[in-house]
PDB file of N, CA and C in Angstrom:
ATOM      1  N   MET A   1     -12.031 -20.897  -3.070  1.00  0.00           N
ATOM      2  CA  MET A   1     -11.654 -20.269  -1.802  1.00  0.00           C
ATOM      3  C   MET A   1     -10.291 -19.601  -2.077  1.00  0.00           C
ATOM      4  N   SER A   2     -10.066 -18.414  -1.519  1.00  0.00           N
ATOM      5  CA  SER A   2      -8.932 -17.656  -1.637  1.00  0.00           C
ATOM      6  C   SER A   2      -7.807 -18.169  -0.823  1.00  0.00           C
ATOM      7  N   ARG A   3      -6.590 -18.154  -1.339  1.00  0.00           N
ATOM      8  CA  ARG A   3      -5.409 -18.567  -0.637  1.00  0.00           C
ATOM      9  C   ARG A   3      -5.033 -17.620   0.454  1.00  0.00           C
ATOM     10  N   GLY A   4      -4.406 -18.056   1.455  1.00  0.00           N
ATOM     11  CA  GLY A   4      -3.808 -17.200   2.459  1.00  0.00           C
ATOM     12  C   GLY A   4      -2.562 -16.418   1.889  1.00  0.00           C
ATOM     13  N   ALA A   5      -2.182 -15.503   2.694  1.00  0.00           N
ATOM     14  CA  ALA A   5      -1.020 -14.761   2.247  1.00  0.00           C
ATOM     15  C   ALA A   5       0.014 -14.754   3.371  1.00  0.00           C
ATOM     16  N   HIS A   6       1.280 -14.984   3.047  1.00  0.00           N
ATOM     17  CA  HIS A   6       2.295 -15.011   4.186  1.00  0.00           C
ATOM     18  C   HIS A   6       3.600 -14.462   3.549  1.00  0.00           C
ATOM     19  N   ALA A   7       4.366 -13.894   4.543  1.00  0.00           N
ATOM     20  CA  ALA A   7       5.728 -13.485   4.273  1.00  0.00           C
ATOM     21  C   ALA A   7       6.705 -13.756   5.336  1.00  0.00           C
ATOM     22  N   SER A   8       7.785 -14.031   5.084  1.00  0.00           N
ATOM     23  CA  SER A   8       8.837 -14.208   5.945  1.00  0.00           C
ATOM     24  C   SER A   8      10.064 -13.510   5.737  1.00  0.00           C
ATOM     25  N   ARG A   9      10.836 -13.102   6.737  1.00  0.00           N
ATOM     26  CA  ARG A   9      12.081 -12.402   6.501  1.00  0.00           C
ATOM     27  C   ARG A   9      13.102 -12.927   7.477  1.00  0.00           C
ATOM     28  N   THR A  10      14.228 -13.302   7.102  1.00  0.00           N
ATOM     29  CA  THR A  10      15.207 -13.852   7.974  1.00  0.00           C
ATOM     30  C   THR A  10      16.191 -12.602   8.420  1.00  0.00           C
ATOM     31  N   ILE A  11      16.427 -12.638   9.579  1.00  0.00           N
ATOM     32  CA  ILE A  11      17.203 -11.527  10.189  1.00  0.00           C
ATOM     33  C   ILE A  11      18.644 -11.941  10.201  1.00  0.00           C
ATOM     34  N   PRO A  12      19.586 -11.193   9.539  1.00  0.00           N
ATOM     35  CA  PRO A  12      21.002 -11.536   9.604  1.00  0.00           C
ATOM     36  C   PRO A  12      21.553 -11.448  10.995  1.00  0.00           C
ATOM     37  N   GLU A  13      22.476 -12.465  11.265  1.00  0.00           N
ATOM     38  CA  GLU A  13      23.159 -12.650  12.457  1.00  0.00           C
ATOM     39  C   GLU A  13      23.581 -11.356  13.218  1.00  0.00           C
ATOM     40  N   LYS A  14      24.121 -10.384  12.488  1.00  0.00           N
ATOM     41  CA  LYS A  14      24.733  -9.244  13.055  1.00  0.00           C
ATOM     42  C   LYS A  14      23.464  -8.229  13.565  1.00  0.00           C
ATOM     43  N   HIS A  15      22.280  -8.535  13.095  1.00  0.00           N
ATOM     44  CA  HIS A  15      21.210  -7.489  13.472  1.00  0.00           C
ATOM     45  C   HIS A  15      20.127  -8.215  14.395  1.00  0.00           C
ATOM     46  N   ARG A  16      20.464  -9.424  14.920  1.00  0.00           N
ATOM     47  CA  ARG A  16      19.557 -10.111  15.685  1.00  0.00           C
ATOM     48  C   ARG A  16      19.231  -9.478  17.035  1.00  0.00           C
ATOM     49  N   THR A  17      20.138  -8.725  17.485  1.00  0.00           N
ATOM     50  CA  THR A  17      19.933  -8.105  18.874  1.00  0.00           C
ATOM     51  C   THR A  17      19.472  -6.582  18.668  1.00  0.00           C
ATOM     52  N   ASP A  18      19.312  -6.190  17.541  1.00  0.00           N
ATOM     53  CA  ASP A  18      19.053  -4.809  17.166  1.00  0.00           C
ATOM     54  C   ASP A  18      17.411  -4.757  17.064  1.00  0.00           C
ATOM     55  N   PRO A  19      16.785  -4.226  18.129  1.00  0.00           N
ATOM     56  CA  PRO A  19      15.250  -4.130  18.092  1.00  0.00           C
ATOM     57  C   PRO A  19      14.699  -3.317  16.943  1.00  0.00           C
ATOM     58  N   VAL A  20      15.455  -2.239  16.515  1.00  0.00           N
ATOM     59  CA  VAL A  20      14.815  -1.467  15.469  1.00  0.00           C
ATOM     60  C   VAL A  20      14.910  -2.394  14.143  1.00  0.00           C
ATOM     61  N   TYR A  21      16.031  -3.122  13.904  1.00  0.00           N
ATOM     62  CA  TYR A  21      16.109  -4.030  12.655  1.00  0.00           C
ATOM     63  C   TYR A  21      14.992  -4.944  12.718  1.00  0.00           C
ATOM     64  N   VAL A  22      14.734  -5.643  13.986  1.00  0.00           N
ATOM     65  CA  VAL A  22      13.730  -6.809  13.989  1.00  0.00           C
ATOM     66  C   VAL A  22      12.400  -6.045  13.726  1.00  0.00           C
ATOM     67  N   GLU A  23      12.058  -4.912  14.308  1.00  0.00           N
ATOM     68  CA  GLU A  23      10.780  -4.243  14.121  1.00  0.00           C
ATOM     69  C   GLU A  23      10.621  -3.915  12.672  1.00  0.00           C
ATOM     70  N   ALA A  24      11.678  -3.416  11.993  1.00  0.00           N
ATOM     71  CA  ALA A  24      11.478  -3.123  10.627  1.00  0.00           C
ATOM     72  C   ALA A  24      11.244  -4.373   9.746  1.00  0.00           C
ATOM     73  N   GLY A  25      11.856  -5.384  10.035  1.00  0.00           N
ATOM     74  CA  GLY A  25      11.735  -6.699   9.363  1.00  0.00           C
ATOM     75  C   GLY A  25      10.164  -7.176   9.570  1.00  0.00           C
ATOM     76  N   ALA A  26       9.648  -7.034  10.715  1.00  0.00           N
ATOM     77  CA  ALA A  26       8.338  -7.439  10.982  1.00  0.00           C
ATOM     78  C   ALA A  26       7.409  -6.567  10.169  1.00  0.00           C
ATOM     79  N   ALA A  27       7.637  -5.196  10.193  1.00  0.00           N
ATOM     80  CA  ALA A  27       6.797  -4.345   9.312  1.00  0.00           C
ATOM     81  C   ALA A  27       6.818  -4.604   7.794  1.00  0.00           C
ATOM     82  N   ILE A  28       7.953  -4.980   7.387  1.00  0.00           N
ATOM     83  CA  ILE A  28       8.012  -5.312   5.917  1.00  0.00           C
ATOM     84  C   ILE A  28       7.286  -6.559   5.646  1.00  0.00           C
ATOM     85  N   ALA A  29       7.467  -7.611   6.472  1.00  0.00           N
ATOM     86  CA  ALA A  29       6.738  -8.859   6.411  1.00  0.00           C
ATOM     87  C   ALA A  29       5.299  -8.744   6.411  1.00  0.00           C
ATOM     88  N   LEU A  30       4.809  -7.822   7.438  1.00  0.00           N
ATOM     89  CA  LEU A  30       3.441  -7.638   7.513  1.00  0.00           C
ATOM     90  C   LEU A  30       2.823  -6.881   6.317  1.00  0.00           C
ATOM     91  N   GLY A  31       3.533  -5.935   5.830  1.00  0.00           N
ATOM     92  CA  GLY A  31       3.066  -5.205   4.661  1.00  0.00           C
ATOM     93  C   GLY A  31       2.957  -6.096   3.416  1.00  0.00           C
ATOM     94  N   GLN A  32       3.956  -6.974   3.250  1.00  0.00           N
ATOM     95  CA  GLN A  32       3.855  -7.974   2.098  1.00  0.00           C
ATOM     96  C   GLN A  32       2.617  -8.825   2.249  1.00  0.00           C
ATOM     97  N   ALA A  33       2.496  -9.325   3.445  1.00  0.00           N
ATOM     98  CA  ALA A  33       1.358 -10.284   3.707  1.00  0.00           C
ATOM     99  C   ALA A  33      -0.091  -9.460   3.432  1.00  0.00           C
ATOM    100  N   VAL A  34      -0.186  -8.212   3.839  1.00  0.00           N
ATOM    101  CA  VAL A  34      -1.380  -7.485   3.551  1.00  0.00           C
ATOM    102  C   VAL A  34      -1.581  -7.316   2.086  1.00  0.00           C
ATOM    103  N   TYR A  35      -0.545  -6.885   1.466  1.00  0.00           N
ATOM    104  CA  TYR A  35      -0.700  -6.735  -0.047  1.00  0.00           C
ATOM    105  C   TYR A  35      -0.998  -8.024  -0.720  1.00  0.00           C
ATOM    106  N   ASP A  36      -0.371  -9.092  -0.411  1.00  0.00           N
ATOM    107  CA  ASP A  36      -0.647 -10.479  -1.080  1.00  0.00           C
ATOM    108  C   ASP A  36      -1.987 -10.837  -0.810  1.00  0.00           C
ATOM    109  N   ARG A  37      -2.542 -10.625   0.464  1.00  0.00           N
ATOM    110  CA  ARG A  37      -3.891 -11.134   0.693  1.00  0.00           C
ATOM    111  C   ARG A  37      -4.989 -10.270   0.019  1.00  0.00           C
ATOM    112  N   ARG A  38      -4.742  -8.959   0.106  1.00  0.00           N
ATOM    113  CA  ARG A  38      -5.605  -8.061  -0.549  1.00  0.00           C
ATOM    114  C   ARG A  38      -5.681  -8.297  -2.068  1.00  0.00           C
ATOM    115  N   ALA A  39      -4.545  -8.531  -2.724  1.00  0.00           N
ATOM    116  CA  ALA A  39      -4.433  -8.783  -4.124  1.00  0.00           C
ATOM    117  C   ALA A  39      -5.147 -10.113  -4.415  1.00  0.00           C
ATOM    118  N   SER A  40      -4.893 -11.134  -3.572  1.00  0.00           N
ATOM    119  CA  SER A  40      -5.597 -12.434  -3.894  1.00  0.00           C
ATOM    120  C   SER A  40      -7.189 -12.321  -3.721  1.00  0.00           C
ATOM    121  N   LEU A  41      -7.617 -11.411  -3.057  1.00  0.00           N
ATOM    122  CA  LEU A  41      -9.034 -11.083  -2.874  1.00  0.00           C
ATOM    123  C   LEU A  41      -9.658 -10.328  -4.034  1.00  0.00           C
ATOM    124  N   GLY A  42      -8.650  -9.699  -4.838  1.00  0.00           N
ATOM    125  CA  GLY A  42      -9.086  -8.886  -5.840  1.00  0.00           C
ATOM    126  C   GLY A  42      -9.587  -7.496  -5.423  1.00  0.00           C
ATOM    127  N   ILE A  43      -9.087  -6.992  -4.288  1.00  0.00           N
ATOM    128  CA  ILE A  43      -9.552  -5.755  -3.774  1.00  0.00           C
ATOM    129  C   ILE A  43      -8.458  -4.618  -4.080  1.00  0.00           C
ATOM    130  N   ASP A  44      -8.850  -3.596  -4.739  1.00  0.00           N
ATOM    131  CA  ASP A  44      -7.991  -2.588  -5.156  1.00  0.00           C
ATOM    132  C   ASP A  44      -7.692  -1.723  -3.777  1.00  0.00           C
ATOM    133  N   GLN A  45      -6.575  -1.066  -3.909  1.00  0.00           N
ATOM    134  CA  GLN A  45      -6.067  -0.293  -2.806  1.00  0.00           C
ATOM    135  C   GLN A  45      -7.012   0.792  -2.184  1.00  0.00           C
ATOM    136  N   ALA A  46      -7.790   1.478  -3.224  1.00  0.00           N
ATOM    137  CA  ALA A  46      -8.761   2.544  -2.757  1.00  0.00           C
ATOM    138  C   ALA A  46     -10.024   1.867  -2.008  1.00  0.00           C
ATOM    139  N   SER A  47     -10.498   0.688  -2.449  1.00  0.00           N
ATOM    140  CA  SER A  47     -11.521   0.001  -1.860  1.00  0.00           C
ATOM    141  C   SER A  47     -11.125  -0.535  -0.467  1.00  0.00           C
ATOM    142  N   PHE A  48      -9.919  -1.047  -0.428  1.00  0.00           N
ATOM    143  CA  PHE A  48      -9.401  -1.559   0.831  1.00  0.00           C
ATOM    144  C   PHE A  48      -9.289  -0.419   1.883  1.00  0.00           C
ATOM    145  N   ALA A  49      -8.737   0.692   1.397  1.00  0.00           N
ATOM    146  CA  ALA A  49      -8.714   1.895   2.307  1.00  0.00           C
ATOM    147  C   ALA A  49     -10.042   2.302   2.784  1.00  0.00           C
ATOM    148  N   GLU A  50     -10.987   2.319   1.976  1.00  0.00           N
ATOM    149  CA  GLU A  50     -12.431   2.757   2.377  1.00  0.00           C
ATOM    150  C   GLU A  50     -12.905   1.744   3.300  1.00  0.00           C
ATOM    151  N   ARG A  51     -12.740   0.364   3.119  1.00  0.00           N
ATOM    152  CA  ARG A  51     -13.251  -0.662   3.958  1.00  0.00           C
ATOM    153  C   ARG A  51     -12.628  -0.624   5.414  1.00  0.00           C
ATOM    154  N   THR A  52     -11.326  -0.292   5.403  1.00  0.00           N
ATOM    155  CA  THR A  52     -10.566  -0.097   6.704  1.00  0.00           C
ATOM    156  C   THR A  52     -10.811   1.176   7.464  1.00  0.00           C
ATOM    157  N   GLY A  53     -11.258   2.216   6.615  1.00  0.00           N
ATOM    158  CA  GLY A  53     -11.343   3.590   7.302  1.00  0.00           C
ATOM    159  C   GLY A  53      -9.990   4.298   7.233  1.00  0.00           C
ATOM    160  N   LEU A  54      -9.128   3.821   6.429  1.00  0.00           N
ATOM    161  CA  LEU A  54      -7.811   4.524   6.326  1.00  0.00           C
ATOM    162  C   LEU A  54      -7.767   5.228   4.931  1.00  0.00           C
ATOM    163  N   SER A  55      -6.715   5.989   4.785  1.00  0.00           N
ATOM    164  CA  SER A  55      -6.460   6.709   3.541  1.00  0.00           C
ATOM    165  C   SER A  55      -5.495   5.628   2.620  1.00  0.00           C
ATOM    166  N   THR A  56      -5.667   5.947   1.332  1.00  0.00           N
ATOM    167  CA  THR A  56      -4.735   5.145   0.522  1.00  0.00           C
ATOM    168  C   THR A  56      -3.260   5.376   0.848  1.00  0.00           C
ATOM    169  N   GLU A  57      -3.006   6.459   1.298  1.00  0.00           N
ATOM    170  CA  GLU A  57      -1.528   6.730   1.689  1.00  0.00           C
ATOM    171  C   GLU A  57      -1.235   5.813   2.865  1.00  0.00           C
ATOM    172  N   ASP A  58      -2.126   5.703   3.911  1.00  0.00           N
ATOM    173  CA  ASP A  58      -1.956   4.830   5.054  1.00  0.00           C
ATOM    174  C   ASP A  58      -1.691   3.377   4.551  1.00  0.00           C
ATOM    175  N   ILE A  59      -2.558   2.852   3.627  1.00  0.00           N
ATOM    176  CA  ILE A  59      -2.414   1.568   3.145  1.00  0.00           C
ATOM    177  C   ILE A  59      -1.156   1.416   2.363  1.00  0.00           C
ATOM    178  N   ASP A  60      -0.666   2.303   1.548  1.00  0.00           N
ATOM    179  CA  ASP A  60       0.658   2.267   0.900  1.00  0.00           C
ATOM    180  C   ASP A  60       1.672   2.180   1.844  1.00  0.00           C
ATOM    181  N   ARG A  61       1.677   2.959   2.934  1.00  0.00           N
ATOM    182  CA  ARG A  61       2.621   2.917   3.990  1.00  0.00           C
ATOM    183  C   ARG A  61       2.764   1.554   4.689  1.00  0.00           C
ATOM    184  N   ILE A  62       1.539   1.043   5.000  1.00  0.00           N
ATOM    185  CA  ILE A  62       1.508  -0.266   5.575  1.00  0.00           C
ATOM    186  C   ILE A  62       2.141  -1.387   4.676  1.00  0.00           C
ATOM    187  N   GLU A  63       1.671  -1.404   3.425  1.00  0.00           N
ATOM    188  CA  GLU A  63       2.019  -2.423   2.513  1.00  0.00           C
ATOM    189  C   GLU A  63       3.445  -2.255   2.088  1.00  0.00           C
ATOM    190  N   GLY A  64       4.024  -1.126   2.277  1.00  0.00           N
ATOM    191  CA  GLY A  64       5.370  -0.827   1.948  1.00  0.00           C
ATOM    192  C   GLY A  64       6.311  -1.068   2.965  1.00  0.00           C
ATOM    193  N   GLY A  65       5.725  -1.477   4.170  1.00  0.00           N
ATOM    194  CA  GLY A  65       6.626  -1.743   5.377  1.00  0.00           C
ATOM    195  C   GLY A  65       7.096  -0.509   6.178  1.00  0.00           C
ATOM    196  N   GLY A  66       6.500   0.587   5.926  1.00  0.00           N
ATOM    197  CA  GLY A  66       6.751   1.872   6.482  1.00  0.00           C
ATOM    198  C   GLY A  66       6.008   2.138   7.785  1.00  0.00           C
ATOM    199  N   ALA A  67       5.149   1.193   8.134  1.00  0.00           N
ATOM    200  CA  ALA A  67       4.270   1.422   9.315  1.00  0.00           C
ATOM    201  C   ALA A  67       4.183   0.080  10.095  1.00  0.00           C
ATOM    202  N   ALA A  68       4.091   0.175  11.376  1.00  0.00           N
ATOM    203  CA  ALA A  68       3.858  -1.128  12.257  1.00  0.00           C
ATOM    204  C   ALA A  68       2.570  -0.799  12.969  1.00  0.00           C
ATOM    205  N   PRO A  69       1.431  -1.199  12.399  1.00  0.00           N
ATOM    206  CA  PRO A  69       0.199  -1.110  12.995  1.00  0.00           C
ATOM    207  C   PRO A  69       0.004  -1.684  14.386  1.00  0.00           C
ATOM    208  N   ALA A  70      -0.637  -0.913  15.277  1.00  0.00           N
ATOM    209  CA  ALA A  70      -0.987  -1.475  16.636  1.00  0.00           C
ATOM    210  C   ALA A  70      -2.122  -2.508  16.509  1.00  0.00           C
ATOM    211  N   PRO A  71      -2.223  -3.279  17.631  1.00  0.00           N
ATOM    212  CA  PRO A  71      -3.209  -4.393  17.548  1.00  0.00           C
ATOM    213  C   PRO A  71      -4.672  -3.976  17.070  1.00  0.00           C
ATOM    214  N   PRO A  72      -5.214  -2.939  17.482  1.00  0.00           N
ATOM    215  CA  PRO A  72      -6.520  -2.568  17.068  1.00  0.00           C
ATOM    216  C   PRO A  72      -6.588  -2.374  15.538  1.00  0.00           C
ATOM    217  N   LEU A  73      -5.614  -1.799  14.940  1.00  0.00           N
ATOM    218  CA  LEU A  73      -5.638  -1.824  13.419  1.00  0.00           C
ATOM    219  C   LEU A  73      -5.359  -3.128  12.919  1.00  0.00           C
ATOM    220  N   LEU A  74      -4.487  -3.978  13.563  1.00  0.00           N
ATOM    221  CA  LEU A  74      -4.285  -5.245  12.881  1.00  0.00           C
ATOM    222  C   LEU A  74      -5.575  -6.103  12.855  1.00  0.00           C
ATOM    223  N   ARG A  75      -6.483  -5.934  13.950  1.00  0.00           N
ATOM    224  CA  ARG A  75      -7.856  -6.665  13.945  1.00  0.00           C
ATOM    225  C   ARG A  75      -8.572  -6.104  12.733  1.00  0.00           C
ATOM    226  N   VAL A  76      -8.629  -4.778  12.446  1.00  0.00           N
ATOM    227  CA  VAL A  76      -9.396  -4.330  11.391  1.00  0.00           C
ATOM    228  C   VAL A  76      -8.936  -4.836  10.022  1.00  0.00           C
ATOM    229  N   LEU A  77      -7.612  -4.871   9.877  1.00  0.00           N
ATOM    230  CA  LEU A  77      -6.926  -5.481   8.530  1.00  0.00           C
ATOM    231  C   LEU A  77      -7.402  -6.976   8.533  1.00  0.00           C
ATOM    232  N   ALA A  78      -7.266  -7.645   9.503  1.00  0.00           N
ATOM    233  CA  ALA A  78      -7.704  -9.101   9.512  1.00  0.00           C
ATOM    234  C   ALA A  78      -9.169  -9.297   9.188  1.00  0.00           C
ATOM    235  N   ARG A  79      -9.927  -8.434   9.794  1.00  0.00           N
ATOM    236  CA  ARG A  79     -11.450  -8.466   9.501  1.00  0.00           C
ATOM    237  C   ARG A  79     -11.792  -8.231   7.929  1.00  0.00           C
ATOM    238  N   VAL A  80     -11.241  -7.110   7.552  1.00  0.00           N
ATOM    239  CA  VAL A  80     -11.407  -6.750   6.092  1.00  0.00           C
ATOM    240  C   VAL A  80     -10.774  -7.730   5.106  1.00  0.00           C
ATOM    241  N   LEU A  81      -9.750  -8.354   5.527  1.00  0.00           N
ATOM    242  CA  LEU A  81      -9.155  -9.417   4.749  1.00  0.00           C
ATOM    243  C   LEU A  81      -9.768 -10.724   4.817  1.00  0.00           C
ATOM    244  N   ASP A  82     -10.736 -10.833   5.656  1.00  0.00           N
ATOM    245  CA  ASP A  82     -11.450 -12.112   5.989  1.00  0.00           C
ATOM    246  C   ASP A  82     -10.483 -13.238   6.332  1.00  0.00           C
ATOM    247  N   ALA A  83      -9.688 -12.958   7.340  1.00  0.00           N
ATOM    248  CA  ALA A  83      -8.666 -13.909   7.700  1.00  0.00           C
ATOM    249  C   ALA A  83      -8.275 -13.674   9.144  1.00  0.00           C
ATOM    250  N   THR A  84      -7.547 -14.618   9.679  1.00  0.00           N
ATOM    251  CA  THR A  84      -6.940 -14.532  10.933  1.00  0.00           C
ATOM    252  C   THR A  84      -5.395 -14.276  10.752  1.00  0.00           C
ATOM    253  N   LEU A  85      -4.886 -13.198  11.433  1.00  0.00           N
ATOM    254  CA  LEU A  85      -3.621 -12.844  11.388  1.00  0.00           C
ATOM    255  C   LEU A  85      -2.627 -13.722  12.328  1.00  0.00           C
ATOM    256  N   ASP A  86      -1.691 -14.431  11.757  1.00  0.00           N
ATOM    257  CA  ASP A  86      -0.665 -15.290  12.479  1.00  0.00           C
ATOM    258  C   ASP A  86       0.654 -14.649  12.397  1.00  0.00           C
ATOM    259  N   MET A  87       1.195 -14.178  13.386  1.00  0.00           N
ATOM    260  CA  MET A  87       2.434 -13.505  13.449  1.00  0.00           C
ATOM    261  C   MET A  87       3.410 -14.137  14.415  1.00  0.00           C
ATOM    262  N   SER A  88       4.701 -14.444  14.018  1.00  0.00           N
ATOM    263  CA  SER A  88       5.666 -14.879  14.965  1.00  0.00           C
ATOM    264  C   SER A  88       6.989 -14.206  14.665  1.00  0.00           C
ATOM    265  N   ILE A  89       7.611 -13.782  15.845  1.00  0.00           N
ATOM    266  CA  ILE A  89       8.792 -13.045  15.722  1.00  0.00           C
ATOM    267  C   ILE A  89       9.904 -13.810  16.516  1.00  0.00           C
ATOM    268  N   GLY A  90      10.832 -14.378  15.848  1.00  0.00           N
ATOM    269  CA  GLY A  90      11.878 -15.107  16.635  1.00  0.00           C
ATOM    270  C   GLY A  90      13.147 -14.382  16.539  1.00  0.00           C
ATOM    271  N   ALA A  91      14.238 -14.992  17.097  1.00  0.00           N
ATOM    272  CA  ALA A  91      15.577 -14.363  17.113  1.00  0.00           C
ATOM    273  C   ALA A  91      16.054 -14.108  15.745  1.00  0.00           C
ATOM    274  N   ASP A  92      15.783 -14.951  14.746  1.00  0.00           N
ATOM    275  CA  ASP A  92      16.369 -14.808  13.516  1.00  0.00           C
ATOM    276  C   ASP A  92      15.347 -14.789  12.286  1.00  0.00           C
ATOM    277  N   GLU A  93      14.132 -14.809  12.727  1.00  0.00           N
ATOM    278  CA  GLU A  93      13.073 -14.817  11.564  1.00  0.00           C
ATOM    279  C   GLU A  93      11.778 -14.211  12.103  1.00  0.00           C
ATOM    280  N   VAL A  94      11.085 -13.588  11.115  1.00  0.00           N
ATOM    281  CA  VAL A  94       9.750 -13.049  11.316  1.00  0.00           C
ATOM    282  C   VAL A  94       8.931 -13.632  10.227  1.00  0.00           C
ATOM    283  N   HIS A  95       7.694 -14.155  10.724  1.00  0.00           N
ATOM    284  CA  HIS A  95       6.899 -14.861   9.918  1.00  0.00           C
ATOM    285  C   HIS A  95       5.400 -14.197  10.081  1.00  0.00           C
ATOM    286  N   VAL A  96       4.769 -13.761   9.004  1.00  0.00           N
ATOM    287  CA  VAL A  96       3.465 -13.159   9.038  1.00  0.00           C
ATOM    288  C   VAL A  96       2.547 -14.008   8.113  1.00  0.00           C
ATOM    289  N   SER A  97       1.305 -14.332   8.449  1.00  0.00           N
ATOM    290  CA  SER A  97       0.371 -14.921   7.484  1.00  0.00           C
ATOM    291  C   SER A  97      -1.128 -14.498   7.815  1.00  0.00           C
ATOM    292  N   PHE A  98      -1.762 -14.422   6.854  1.00  0.00           N
ATOM    293  CA  PHE A  98      -3.204 -14.147   6.939  1.00  0.00           C
ATOM    294  C   PHE A  98      -3.781 -15.431   6.570  1.00  0.00           C
ATOM    295  N   VAL A  99      -4.571 -16.190   7.452  1.00  0.00           N
ATOM    296  CA  VAL A  99      -5.100 -17.369   7.157  1.00  0.00           C
ATOM    297  C   VAL A  99      -6.578 -17.261   6.937  1.00  0.00           C
ATOM    298  N   PRO A 100      -7.007 -17.473   5.675  1.00  0.00           N
ATOM    299  CA  PRO A 100      -8.546 -17.245   5.372  1.00  0.00           C
ATOM    300  C   PRO A 100      -9.390 -17.954   6.310  1.00  0.00           C
ATOM    301  N   HIS A 101     -10.503 -17.310   6.575  1.00  0.00           N
ATOM    302  CA  HIS A 101     -11.600 -17.951   7.414  1.00  0.00           C
ATOM    303  C   HIS A 101     -12.216 -19.038   6.596  1.00  0.00           C
ATOM    304  N   ALA A 102     -12.621 -20.284   7.250  1.00  0.00           N
ATOM    305  CA  ALA A 102     -13.269 -21.288   6.483  1.00  0.00           C
ATOM    306  C   ALA A 102     -14.653 -20.751   6.045  1.00  0.00           C
ATOM    307  N   ILE A 103     -15.055 -21.248   4.928  1.00  0.00           N
ATOM    308  CA  ILE A 103     -16.382 -20.848   4.342  1.00  0.00           C
ATOM    309  C   ILE A 103     -17.406 -21.752   5.038  1.00  0.00           C
TER     310      ILE A 103
END
């Protein structure tokens, strides 16, 4: 069974009230979790792009934290990664994980 993938980012005190900083932290944590889960499944970026209907540039942007996908795309990513997306954003931390579906 493949392991899940997760990423966390702690938000420094001085940036906790800055919504742009919090959103950027969430995008980075999500991107890392997508990359980790995709890699754990042995799916290369081109195959993953094809399965999601995105370009490799789009995948690269997501995995690099340069994009914050909307809920419909998050569902597609979770489906292709055969996992449930668990994401929590608090005042000082962002946590993202892809929890593999049971076999």
